[in-house]
Amino acid sequence: SQEPAFDLIFIDADKENNSVYLKYAL
């Protein structure tokens, strides 16, 4: 949906998916 960019992203969920979260965070 092309959400506007974020200024700060905090990744603190299930660690098994950290790489997935980083991909989307970028």
PDB file of all heavy atoms in Angstrom:
ATOM      1  N   SER A   1       0.813  -1.222   0.000  1.00  0.00           N
ATOM      2  CA  SER A   1       0.000   0.000   0.000  1.00  0.00           C
ATOM      3  C   SER A   1       0.844   1.269   0.000  1.00  0.00           C
ATOM      4  O   SER A   1       0.312   2.375   0.090  1.00  0.00           O
ATOM      5  CB  SER A   1      -0.941   0.002   1.204  1.00  0.00           C
ATOM      6  OG  SER A   1      -0.199   0.058   2.420  1.00  0.00           O
ATOM      7  N   GLN A   2       2.163   1.079  -0.092  1.00  0.00           N
ATOM      8  CA  GLN A   2       3.108   2.200  -0.136  1.00  0.00           C
ATOM      9  C   GLN A   2       2.952   3.127   1.077  1.00  0.00           C
ATOM     10  O   GLN A   2       2.861   4.346   0.954  1.00  0.00           O
ATOM     11  CB  GLN A   2       2.952   2.981  -1.443  1.00  0.00           C
ATOM     12  CG  GLN A   2       3.284   2.149  -2.676  1.00  0.00           C
ATOM     13  CD  GLN A   2       3.239   2.946  -3.959  1.00  0.00           C
ATOM     14  OE1 GLN A   2       2.341   3.754  -4.169  1.00  0.00           O
ATOM     15  NE2 GLN A   2       4.220   2.728  -4.818  1.00  0.00           N
ATOM     16  N   GLU A   3       2.946   2.490   2.236  1.00  0.00           N
ATOM     17  CA  GLU A   3       2.905   3.224   3.505  1.00  0.00           C
ATOM     18  C   GLU A   3       4.081   4.210   3.547  1.00  0.00           C
ATOM     19  O   GLU A   3       5.208   3.873   3.156  1.00  0.00           O
ATOM     20  CB  GLU A   3       3.027   2.222   4.653  1.00  0.00           C
ATOM     21  CG  GLU A   3       2.938   2.812   6.030  1.00  0.00           C
ATOM     22  CD  GLU A   3       1.510   2.933   6.531  1.00  0.00           C
ATOM     23  OE1 GLU A   3       0.606   2.373   5.879  1.00  0.00           O
ATOM     24  OE2 GLU A   3       1.309   3.582   7.556  1.00  0.00           O
ATOM     25  N   PRO A   4       3.865   5.436   4.008  1.00  0.00           N
ATOM     26  CA  PRO A   4       4.986   6.383   4.119  1.00  0.00           C
ATOM     27  C   PRO A   4       6.116   5.818   4.975  1.00  0.00           C
ATOM     28  O   PRO A   4       5.883   5.032   5.895  1.00  0.00           O
ATOM     29  CB  PRO A   4       4.337   7.593   4.797  1.00  0.00           C
ATOM     30  CG  PRO A   4       2.884   7.501   4.457  1.00  0.00           C
ATOM     31  CD  PRO A   4       2.581   6.037   4.409  1.00  0.00           C
ATOM     32  N   ALA A   5       7.323   6.227   4.671  1.00  0.00           N
ATOM     33  CA  ALA A   5       8.501   5.700   5.361  1.00  0.00           C
ATOM     34  C   ALA A   5       8.485   6.074   6.839  1.00  0.00           C
ATOM     35  O   ALA A   5       7.888   7.073   7.251  1.00  0.00           O
ATOM     36  CB  ALA A   5       9.771   6.224   4.698  1.00  0.00           C
ATOM     37  N   PHE A   6       9.157   5.249   7.632  1.00  0.00           N
ATOM     38  CA  PHE A   6       9.270   5.476   9.068  1.00  0.00           C
ATOM     39  C   PHE A   6      10.644   6.066   9.389  1.00  0.00           C
ATOM     40  O   PHE A   6      11.634   5.799   8.705  1.00  0.00           O
ATOM     41  CB  PHE A   6       9.064   4.171   9.835  1.00  0.00           C
ATOM     42  CG  PHE A   6       7.655   3.653   9.759  1.00  0.00           C
ATOM     43  CD1 PHE A   6       7.279   2.772   8.754  1.00  0.00           C
ATOM     44  CD2 PHE A   6       6.693   4.066  10.675  1.00  0.00           C
ATOM     45  CE1 PHE A   6       5.978   2.298   8.668  1.00  0.00           C
ATOM     46  CE2 PHE A   6       5.390   3.600  10.600  1.00  0.00           C
ATOM     47  CZ  PHE A   6       5.027   2.714   9.589  1.00  0.00           C
ATOM     48  N   ASP A   7      10.686   6.826  10.464  1.00  0.00           N
ATOM     49  CA  ASP A   7      11.940   7.437  10.914  1.00  0.00           C
ATOM     50  C   ASP A   7      12.740   6.509  11.824  1.00  0.00           C
ATOM     51  O   ASP A   7      13.963   6.607  11.902  1.00  0.00           O
ATOM     52  CB  ASP A   7      11.646   8.731  11.677  1.00  0.00           C
ATOM     53  CG  ASP A   7      10.848   9.715  10.843  1.00  0.00           C
ATOM     54  OD1 ASP A   7      11.324  10.083   9.753  1.00  0.00           O
ATOM     55  OD2 ASP A   7       9.751  10.105  11.273  1.00  0.00           O
ATOM     56  N   LEU A   8      12.038   5.637  12.530  1.00  0.00           N
ATOM     57  CA  LEU A   8      12.682   4.706  13.455  1.00  0.00           C
ATOM     58  C   LEU A   8      11.889   3.405  13.431  1.00  0.00           C
ATOM     59  O   LEU A   8      10.650   3.425  13.463  1.00  0.00           O
ATOM     60  CB  LEU A   8      12.729   5.279  14.872  1.00  0.00           C
ATOM     61  CG  LEU A   8      13.526   4.504  15.926  1.00  0.00           C
ATOM     62  CD1 LEU A   8      14.071   5.467  16.992  1.00  0.00           C
ATOM     63  CD2 LEU A   8      12.684   3.433  16.613  1.00  0.00           C
ATOM     64  N   ILE A   9      12.600   2.281  13.359  1.00  0.00           N
ATOM     65  CA  ILE A   9      11.964   0.959  13.326  1.00  0.00           C
ATOM     66  C   ILE A   9      12.597   0.096  14.411  1.00  0.00           C
ATOM     67  O   ILE A   9      13.822  -0.056  14.457  1.00  0.00           O
ATOM     68  CB  ILE A   9      12.125   0.299  11.945  1.00  0.00           C
ATOM     69  CG1 ILE A   9      11.482   1.181  10.859  1.00  0.00           C
ATOM     70  CG2 ILE A   9      11.505  -1.106  11.941  1.00  0.00           C
ATOM     71  CD1 ILE A   9      11.720   0.703   9.432  1.00  0.00           C
ATOM     72  N   PHE A  10      11.758  -0.457  15.272  1.00  0.00           N
ATOM     73  CA  PHE A  10      12.204  -1.270  16.406  1.00  0.00           C
ATOM     74  C   PHE A  10      11.746  -2.705  16.179  1.00  0.00           C
ATOM     75  O   PHE A  10      10.548  -2.994  16.148  1.00  0.00           O
ATOM     76  CB  PHE A  10      11.609  -0.718  17.700  1.00  0.00           C
ATOM     77  CG  PHE A  10      12.045  -1.420  18.962  1.00  0.00           C
ATOM     78  CD1 PHE A  10      13.376  -1.733  19.192  1.00  0.00           C
ATOM     79  CD2 PHE A  10      11.105  -1.749  19.937  1.00  0.00           C
ATOM     80  CE1 PHE A  10      13.775  -2.365  20.370  1.00  0.00           C
ATOM     81  CE2 PHE A  10      11.486  -2.373  21.112  1.00  0.00           C
ATOM     82  CZ  PHE A  10      12.824  -2.679  21.333  1.00  0.00           C
ATOM     83  N   ILE A  11      12.697  -3.624  16.009  1.00  0.00           N
ATOM     84  CA  ILE A  11      12.401  -5.037  15.752  1.00  0.00           C
ATOM     85  C   ILE A  11      12.549  -5.804  17.058  1.00  0.00           C
ATOM     86  O   ILE A  11      13.659  -6.005  17.553  1.00  0.00           O
ATOM     87  CB  ILE A  11      13.327  -5.610  14.669  1.00  0.00           C
ATOM     88  CG1 ILE A  11      13.171  -4.804  13.363  1.00  0.00           C
ATOM     89  CG2 ILE A  11      13.027  -7.082  14.423  1.00  0.00           C
ATOM     90  CD1 ILE A  11      14.139  -5.220  12.264  1.00  0.00           C
ATOM     91  N   ASP A  12      11.427  -6.236  17.614  1.00  0.00           N
ATOM     92  CA  ASP A  12      11.439  -6.888  18.930  1.00  0.00           C
ATOM     93  C   ASP A  12      10.311  -7.924  19.009  1.00  0.00           C
ATOM     94  O   ASP A  12       9.476  -7.883  19.904  1.00  0.00           O
ATOM     95  CB  ASP A  12      11.281  -5.843  20.039  1.00  0.00           C
ATOM     96  CG  ASP A  12      11.510  -6.429  21.427  1.00  0.00           C
ATOM     97  OD1 ASP A  12      12.143  -7.497  21.520  1.00  0.00           O
ATOM     98  OD2 ASP A  12      11.036  -5.835  22.409  1.00  0.00           O
ATOM     99  N   ALA A  13      10.302  -8.837  18.046  1.00  0.00           N
ATOM    100  CA  ALA A  13       9.278  -9.889  18.025  1.00  0.00           C
ATOM    101  C   ALA A  13       9.969 -11.252  18.028  1.00  0.00           C
ATOM    102  O   ALA A  13      11.036 -11.391  18.641  1.00  0.00           O
ATOM    103  CB  ALA A  13       8.383  -9.704  16.798  1.00  0.00           C
ATOM    104  N   ASP A  14       9.383 -12.249  17.399  1.00  0.00           N
ATOM    105  CA  ASP A  14       9.987 -13.584  17.360  1.00  0.00           C
ATOM    106  C   ASP A  14      11.293 -13.525  16.567  1.00  0.00           C
ATOM    107  O   ASP A  14      11.326 -13.103  15.416  1.00  0.00           O
ATOM    108  CB  ASP A  14       9.022 -14.600  16.742  1.00  0.00           C
ATOM    109  CG  ASP A  14       8.487 -14.155  15.389  1.00  0.00           C
ATOM    110  OD1 ASP A  14       8.102 -12.979  15.261  1.00  0.00           O
ATOM    111  OD2 ASP A  14       8.471 -14.981  14.466  1.00  0.00           O
ATOM    112  N   LYS A  15      12.374 -13.928  17.205  1.00  0.00           N
ATOM    113  CA  LYS A  15      13.706 -13.759  16.633  1.00  0.00           C
ATOM    114  C   LYS A  15      13.915 -14.634  15.393  1.00  0.00           C
ATOM    115  O   LYS A  15      14.750 -14.321  14.541  1.00  0.00           O
ATOM    116  CB  LYS A  15      14.786 -14.068  17.678  1.00  0.00           C
ATOM    117  CG  LYS A  15      14.597 -13.348  19.006  1.00  0.00           C
ATOM    118  CD  LYS A  15      14.344 -11.867  18.846  1.00  0.00           C
ATOM    119  CE  LYS A  15      13.919 -11.223  20.145  1.00  0.00           C
ATOM    120  NZ  LYS A  15      13.433  -9.845  19.979  1.00  0.00           N
ATOM    121  N   GLU A  16      13.157 -15.716  15.309  1.00  0.00           N
ATOM    122  CA  GLU A  16      13.288 -16.611  14.162  1.00  0.00           C
ATOM    123  C   GLU A  16      13.029 -15.890  12.844  1.00  0.00           C
ATOM    124  O   GLU A  16      13.558 -16.274  11.793  1.00  0.00           O
ATOM    125  CB  GLU A  16      12.323 -17.794  14.296  1.00  0.00           C
ATOM    126  CG  GLU A  16      12.638 -18.736  15.444  1.00  0.00           C
ATOM    127  CD  GLU A  16      12.025 -18.322  16.769  1.00  0.00           C
ATOM    128  OE1 GLU A  16      11.593 -17.150  16.893  1.00  0.00           O
ATOM    129  OE2 GLU A  16      11.980 -19.153  17.686  1.00  0.00           O
ATOM    130  N   ASN A  17      12.209 -14.836  12.886  1.00  0.00           N
ATOM    131  CA  ASN A  17      11.838 -14.105  11.669  1.00  0.00           C
ATOM    132  C   ASN A  17      12.519 -12.752  11.544  1.00  0.00           C
ATOM    133  O   ASN A  17      12.092 -11.917  10.738  1.00  0.00           O
ATOM    134  CB  ASN A  17      10.315 -13.921  11.627  1.00  0.00           C
ATOM    135  CG  ASN A  17       9.600 -15.195  11.245  1.00  0.00           C
ATOM    136  OD1 ASN A  17       9.948 -15.849  10.268  1.00  0.00           O
ATOM    137  ND2 ASN A  17       8.593 -15.568  12.018  1.00  0.00           N
ATOM    138  N   ASN A  18      13.581 -12.528  12.299  1.00  0.00           N
ATOM    139  CA  ASN A  18      14.250 -11.231  12.262  1.00  0.00           C
ATOM    140  C   ASN A  18      14.692 -10.828  10.853  1.00  0.00           C
ATOM    141  O   ASN A  18      14.582  -9.665  10.466  1.00  0.00           O
ATOM    142  CB  ASN A  18      15.464 -11.223  13.195  1.00  0.00           C
ATOM    143  CG  ASN A  18      15.128 -10.672  14.570  1.00  0.00           C
ATOM    144  OD1 ASN A  18      13.973 -10.471  14.911  1.00  0.00           O
ATOM    145  ND2 ASN A  18      16.152 -10.433  15.370  1.00  0.00           N
ATOM    146  N   SER A  19      15.203 -11.795  10.090  1.00  0.00           N
ATOM    147  CA  SER A  19      15.673 -11.466   8.742  1.00  0.00           C
ATOM    148  C   SER A  19      14.517 -11.048   7.838  1.00  0.00           C
ATOM    149  O   SER A  19      14.668 -10.168   6.985  1.00  0.00           O
ATOM    150  CB  SER A  19      16.422 -12.667   8.135  1.00  0.00           C
ATOM    151  OG  SER A  19      17.685 -12.817   8.758  1.00  0.00           O
ATOM    152  N   VAL A  20      13.360 -11.683   8.031  1.00  0.00           N
ATOM    153  CA  VAL A  20      12.165 -11.303   7.267  1.00  0.00           C
ATOM    154  C   VAL A  20      11.762  -9.884   7.627  1.00  0.00           C
ATOM    155  O   VAL A  20      11.457  -9.060   6.751  1.00  0.00           O
ATOM    156  CB  VAL A  20      11.003 -12.276   7.554  1.00  0.00           C
ATOM    157  CG1 VAL A  20       9.724 -11.808   6.870  1.00  0.00           C
ATOM    158  CG2 VAL A  20      11.368 -13.689   7.117  1.00  0.00           C
ATOM    159  N   TYR A  21      11.776  -9.588   8.928  1.00  0.00           N
ATOM    160  CA  TYR A  21      11.384  -8.253   9.374  1.00  0.00           C
ATOM    161  C   TYR A  21      12.354  -7.197   8.851  1.00  0.00           C
ATOM    162  O   TYR A  21      11.942  -6.092   8.488  1.00  0.00           O
ATOM    163  CB  TYR A  21      11.303  -8.208  10.898  1.00  0.00           C
ATOM    164  CG  TYR A  21      10.313  -9.195  11.478  1.00  0.00           C
ATOM    165  CD1 TYR A  21      10.513  -9.771  12.725  1.00  0.00           C
ATOM    166  CD2 TYR A  21       9.176  -9.563  10.769  1.00  0.00           C
ATOM    167  CE1 TYR A  21       9.607 -10.678  13.253  1.00  0.00           C
ATOM    168  CE2 TYR A  21       8.266 -10.473  11.296  1.00  0.00           C
ATOM    169  CZ  TYR A  21       8.492 -11.028  12.536  1.00  0.00           C
ATOM    170  OH  TYR A  21       7.594 -11.927  13.050  1.00  0.00           O
ATOM    171  N   LEU A  22      13.623  -7.531   8.816  1.00  0.00           N
ATOM    172  CA  LEU A  22      14.601  -6.571   8.304  1.00  0.00           C
ATOM    173  C   LEU A  22      14.361  -6.292   6.828  1.00  0.00           C
ATOM    174  O   LEU A  22      14.445  -5.139   6.388  1.00  0.00           O
ATOM    175  CB  LEU A  22      16.023  -7.095   8.518  1.00  0.00           C
ATOM    176  CG  LEU A  22      17.139  -6.201   7.979  1.00  0.00           C
ATOM    177  CD1 LEU A  22      17.149  -4.848   8.675  1.00  0.00           C
ATOM    178  CD2 LEU A  22      18.500  -6.887   8.133  1.00  0.00           C
ATOM    179  N   LYS A  23      14.036  -7.332   6.064  1.00  0.00           N
ATOM    180  CA  LYS A  23      13.775  -7.155   4.628  1.00  0.00           C
ATOM    181  C   LYS A  23      12.652  -6.136   4.410  1.00  0.00           C
ATOM    182  O   LYS A  23      12.774  -5.226   3.591  1.00  0.00           O
ATOM    183  CB  LYS A  23      13.394  -8.496   4.000  1.00  0.00           C
ATOM    184  CG  LYS A  23      13.061  -8.416   2.513  1.00  0.00           C
ATOM    185  CD  LYS A  23      12.501  -9.723   1.996  1.00  0.00           C
ATOM    186  CE  LYS A  23      11.074  -9.953   2.471  1.00  0.00           C
ATOM    187  NZ  LYS A  23      10.437 -11.136   1.827  1.00  0.00           N
ATOM    188  N   TYR A  24      11.578  -6.291   5.167  1.00  0.00           N
ATOM    189  CA  TYR A  24      10.459  -5.363   5.034  1.00  0.00           C
ATOM    190  C   TYR A  24      10.802  -3.986   5.611  1.00  0.00           C
ATOM    191  O   TYR A  24      10.387  -2.952   5.075  1.00  0.00           O
ATOM    192  CB  TYR A  24       9.221  -5.914   5.720  1.00  0.00           C
ATOM    193  CG  TYR A  24       8.538  -7.012   4.941  1.00  0.00           C
ATOM    194  CD1 TYR A  24       8.453  -8.307   5.453  1.00  0.00           C
ATOM    195  CD2 TYR A  24       7.972  -6.769   3.686  1.00  0.00           C
ATOM    196  CE1 TYR A  24       7.819  -9.325   4.739  1.00  0.00           C
ATOM    197  CE2 TYR A  24       7.343  -7.776   2.971  1.00  0.00           C
ATOM    198  CZ  TYR A  24       7.268  -9.055   3.497  1.00  0.00           C
ATOM    199  OH  TYR A  24       6.645 -10.047   2.783  1.00  0.00           O
ATOM    200  N   ALA A  25      11.549  -3.987   6.724  1.00  0.00           N
ATOM    201  CA  ALA A  25      11.924  -2.705   7.343  1.00  0.00           C
ATOM    202  C   ALA A  25      12.681  -1.824   6.359  1.00  0.00           C
ATOM    203  O   ALA A  25      12.457  -0.610   6.286  1.00  0.00           O
ATOM    204  CB  ALA A  25      12.771  -2.955   8.590  1.00  0.00           C
ATOM    205  N   LEU A  26      13.568  -2.436   5.577  1.00  0.00           N
ATOM    206  CA  LEU A  26      14.335  -1.658   4.605  1.00  0.00           C
ATOM    207  C   LEU A  26      13.444  -1.049   3.529  1.00  0.00           C
ATOM    208  O   LEU A  26      13.726   0.032   3.007  1.00  0.00           O
ATOM    209  CB  LEU A  26      15.408  -2.550   3.968  1.00  0.00           C
ATOM    210  CG  LEU A  26      16.568  -2.921   4.894  1.00  0.00           C
ATOM    211  CD1 LEU A  26      17.409  -4.024   4.288  1.00  0.00           C
ATOM    212  CD2 LEU A  26      17.418  -1.704   5.205  1.00  0.00           C
TER     213      LEU A  26
END
